[in-house]
PDB file of N, CA and C in Angstrom:
ATOM      1  N   MET A   1     145.709  37.245 -15.462  1.00  0.00           N
ATOM      2  CA  MET A   1     147.344  36.755 -15.053  1.00  0.00           C
ATOM      3  C   MET A   1     147.308  35.363 -15.337  1.00  0.00           C
ATOM      4  N   CYS A   2     148.371  34.889 -16.088  1.00  0.00           N
ATOM      5  CA  CYS A   2     148.642  33.631 -15.310  1.00  0.00           C
ATOM      6  C   CYS A   2     149.446  33.221 -14.317  1.00  0.00           C
ATOM      7  N   ASP A   3     149.267  31.983 -13.710  1.00  0.00           N
ATOM      8  CA  ASP A   3     149.859  31.465 -12.608  1.00  0.00           C
ATOM      9  C   ASP A   3     151.186  32.123 -12.408  1.00  0.00           C
ATOM     10  N   GLU A   4     152.169  32.006 -13.273  1.00  0.00           N
ATOM     11  CA  GLU A   4     153.553  32.225 -13.274  1.00  0.00           C
ATOM     12  C   GLU A   4     153.917  33.561 -13.606  1.00  0.00           C
ATOM     13  N   ALA A   5     152.835  34.601 -13.197  1.00  0.00           N
ATOM     14  CA  ALA A   5     153.069  35.618 -13.528  1.00  0.00           C
ATOM     15  C   ALA A   5     152.669  36.419 -12.032  1.00  0.00           C
ATOM     16  N   VAL A   6     151.685  35.820 -11.634  1.00  0.00           N
ATOM     17  CA  VAL A   6     151.130  35.903 -10.403  1.00  0.00           C
ATOM     18  C   VAL A   6     152.419  35.416  -8.890  1.00  0.00           C
ATOM     19  N   LEU A   7     152.528  34.190  -9.553  1.00  0.00           N
ATOM     20  CA  LEU A   7     153.858  33.795  -8.653  1.00  0.00           C
ATOM     21  C   LEU A   7     154.945  34.575  -8.820  1.00  0.00           C
ATOM     22  N   PHE A   8     155.470  35.040  -9.848  1.00  0.00           N
ATOM     23  CA  PHE A   8     156.429  35.842  -9.685  1.00  0.00           C
ATOM     24  C   PHE A   8     156.381  37.223  -9.145  1.00  0.00           C
ATOM     25  N   MET A   9     155.242  37.676  -9.480  1.00  0.00           N
ATOM     26  CA  MET A   9     154.712  39.492  -8.743  1.00  0.00           C
ATOM     27  C   MET A   9     154.707  38.803  -6.857  1.00  0.00           C
ATOM     28  N   GLN A  10     154.275  37.904  -6.446  1.00  0.00           N
ATOM     29  CA  GLN A  10     154.574  37.382  -5.212  1.00  0.00           C
ATOM     30  C   GLN A  10     155.783  37.527  -4.415  1.00  0.00           C
ATOM     31  N   ASN A  11     156.712  36.812  -5.095  1.00  0.00           N
ATOM     32  CA  ASN A  11     157.907  36.224  -5.011  1.00  0.00           C
ATOM     33  C   ASN A  11     158.545  38.455  -5.079  1.00  0.00           C
ATOM     34  N   VAL A  12     158.541  38.664  -6.071  1.00  0.00           N
ATOM     35  CA  VAL A  12     159.099  40.348  -5.871  1.00  0.00           C
ATOM     36  C   VAL A  12     158.680  41.216  -5.067  1.00  0.00           C
ATOM     37  N   PHE A  13     157.218  41.019  -4.746  1.00  0.00           N
ATOM     38  CA  PHE A  13     156.520  42.133  -3.331  1.00  0.00           C
ATOM     39  C   PHE A  13     156.668  41.215  -2.070  1.00  0.00           C
ATOM     40  N   LEU A  14     156.404  40.117  -1.801  1.00  0.00           N
ATOM     41  CA  LEU A  14     156.439  39.556  -0.673  1.00  0.00           C
ATOM     42  C   LEU A  14     157.318  38.584  -0.645  1.00  0.00           C
ATOM     43  N   GLY A  15     158.155  38.143  -0.856  1.00  0.00           N
ATOM     44  CA  GLY A  15     159.256  37.519  -0.628  1.00  0.00           C
ATOM     45  C   GLY A  15     159.182  35.700  -0.889  1.00  0.00           C
ATOM     46  N   PRO A  16     159.961  34.888  -0.926  1.00  0.00           N
ATOM     47  CA  PRO A  16     159.676  33.720  -1.412  1.00  0.00           C
ATOM     48  C   PRO A  16     158.802  33.056   0.119  1.00  0.00           C
ATOM     49  N   ARG A  17     158.299  31.801  -0.367  1.00  0.00           N
ATOM     50  CA  ARG A  17     156.887  31.299   0.759  1.00  0.00           C
ATOM     51  C   ARG A  17     157.725  31.530   1.924  1.00  0.00           C
ATOM     52  N   SER A  18     158.839  30.774   2.056  1.00  0.00           N
ATOM     53  CA  SER A  18     159.457  30.859   3.407  1.00  0.00           C
ATOM     54  C   SER A  18     159.519  31.611   4.347  1.00  0.00           C
ATOM     55  N   ASP A  19     159.658  32.921   3.696  1.00  0.00           N
ATOM     56  CA  ASP A  19     159.722  34.368   4.387  1.00  0.00           C
ATOM     57  C   ASP A  19     158.293  34.270   4.833  1.00  0.00           C
ATOM     58  N   MET A  20     157.251  34.071   4.179  1.00  0.00           N
ATOM     59  CA  MET A  20     155.819  34.322   4.161  1.00  0.00           C
ATOM     60  C   MET A  20     155.721  33.150   5.984  1.00  0.00           C
ATOM     61  N   ASP A  21     155.905  32.165   5.487  1.00  0.00           N
ATOM     62  CA  ASP A  21     155.284  31.208   6.691  1.00  0.00           C
ATOM     63  C   ASP A  21     156.732  31.834   7.987  1.00  0.00           C
ATOM     64  N   GLU A  22     157.555  32.336   7.984  1.00  0.00           N
ATOM     65  CA  GLU A  22     157.887  32.764   9.147  1.00  0.00           C
ATOM     66  C   GLU A  22     157.493  34.007   9.546  1.00  0.00           C
ATOM     67  N   ILE A  23     157.220  34.920   8.607  1.00  0.00           N
ATOM     68  CA  ILE A  23     156.416  36.134   9.251  1.00  0.00           C
ATOM     69  C   ILE A  23     154.758  35.779   9.860  1.00  0.00           C
ATOM     70  N   VAL A  24     154.239  34.664   9.015  1.00  0.00           N
ATOM     71  CA  VAL A  24     152.699  34.382   9.953  1.00  0.00           C
ATOM     72  C   VAL A  24     153.248  33.735  11.301  1.00  0.00           C
ATOM     73  N   GLU A  25     154.080  32.801  11.234  1.00  0.00           N
ATOM     74  CA  GLU A  25     154.614  32.062  12.854  1.00  0.00           C
ATOM     75  C   GLU A  25     154.634  33.212  13.883  1.00  0.00           C
ATOM     76  N   THR A  26     155.524  34.222  13.229  1.00  0.00           N
ATOM     77  CA  THR A  26     155.853  35.188  14.032  1.00  0.00           C
ATOM     78  C   THR A  26     154.433  36.273  14.536  1.00  0.00           C
ATOM     79  N   VAL A  27     153.840  36.615  13.923  1.00  0.00           N
ATOM     80  CA  VAL A  27     152.289  37.532  14.199  1.00  0.00           C
ATOM     81  C   VAL A  27     151.505  36.199  15.114  1.00  0.00           C
ATOM     82  N   ARG A  28     151.610  35.046  14.704  1.00  0.00           N
ATOM     83  CA  ARG A  28     150.716  34.148  15.304  1.00  0.00           C
ATOM     84  C   ARG A  28     151.832  34.154  17.230  1.00  0.00           C
ATOM     85  N   LYS A  29     153.041  34.100  17.286  1.00  0.00           N
ATOM     86  CA  LYS A  29     153.665  34.091  18.644  1.00  0.00           C
ATOM     87  C   LYS A  29     153.237  35.440  19.182  1.00  0.00           C
ATOM     88  N   ILE A  30     153.509  36.807  18.331  1.00  0.00           N
ATOM     89  CA  ILE A  30     152.933  37.859  19.081  1.00  0.00           C
ATOM     90  C   ILE A  30     151.386  37.832  19.161  1.00  0.00           C
ATOM     91  N   HIS A  31     150.606  37.660  18.931  1.00  0.00           N
ATOM     92  CA  HIS A  31     149.592  37.389  18.842  1.00  0.00           C
ATOM     93  C   HIS A  31     148.937  36.653  20.236  1.00  0.00           C
ATOM     94  N   ALA A  32     149.877  35.831  20.624  1.00  0.00           N
ATOM     95  CA  ALA A  32     149.267  34.482  21.477  1.00  0.00           C
ATOM     96  C   ALA A  32     149.818  35.423  22.913  1.00  0.00           C
ATOM     97  N   HIS A  33     150.681  36.212  22.668  1.00  0.00           N
ATOM     98  CA  HIS A  33     151.687  36.910  24.140  1.00  0.00           C
ATOM     99  C   HIS A  33     151.387  38.243  23.980  1.00  0.00           C
ATOM    100  N   ALA A  34     150.203  38.519  23.314  1.00  0.00           N
ATOM    101  CA  ALA A  34     149.907  40.007  23.261  1.00  0.00           C
ATOM    102  C   ALA A  34     149.523  40.614  24.600  1.00  0.00           C
ATOM    103  N   SER A  35     149.111  40.153  25.233  1.00  0.00           N
ATOM    104  CA  SER A  35     149.017  40.527  27.161  1.00  0.00           C
ATOM    105  C   SER A  35     149.867  41.129  27.945  1.00  0.00           C
ATOM    106  N   GLU A  36     150.986  39.909  27.708  1.00  0.00           N
ATOM    107  CA  GLU A  36     151.950  39.908  28.466  1.00  0.00           C
ATOM    108  C   GLU A  36     153.159  41.298  27.793  1.00  0.00           C
ATOM    109  N   ILE A  37     152.734  41.571  26.282  1.00  0.00           N
ATOM    110  CA  ILE A  37     153.627  42.279  25.585  1.00  0.00           C
ATOM    111  C   ILE A  37     153.189  44.046  25.959  1.00  0.00           C
ATOM    112  N   THR A  38     151.860  43.938  25.912  1.00  0.00           N
ATOM    113  CA  THR A  38     151.451  45.380  25.920  1.00  0.00           C
ATOM    114  C   THR A  38     151.623  45.422  27.876  1.00  0.00           C
ATOM    115  N   ARG A  39     151.863  44.926  28.397  1.00  0.00           N
ATOM    116  CA  ARG A  39     151.651  45.498  30.005  1.00  0.00           C
ATOM    117  C   ARG A  39     153.548  45.948  30.721  1.00  0.00           C
ATOM    118  N   ALA A  40     154.377  45.436  29.560  1.00  0.00           N
ATOM    119  CA  ALA A  40     155.634  46.220  29.932  1.00  0.00           C
ATOM    120  C   ALA A  40     155.456  47.433  29.326  1.00  0.00           C
TER     121      ALA A  40
END
């Protein structure tokens, strides 16, 4: 596939890059506080 097709498919299935950055940051925060979350 060409780069444009891959980028298009990424945006269709995963959303724009900014959304992915927010998801990654949220997962990092959850991981950092996992012990606190599991005690609840």
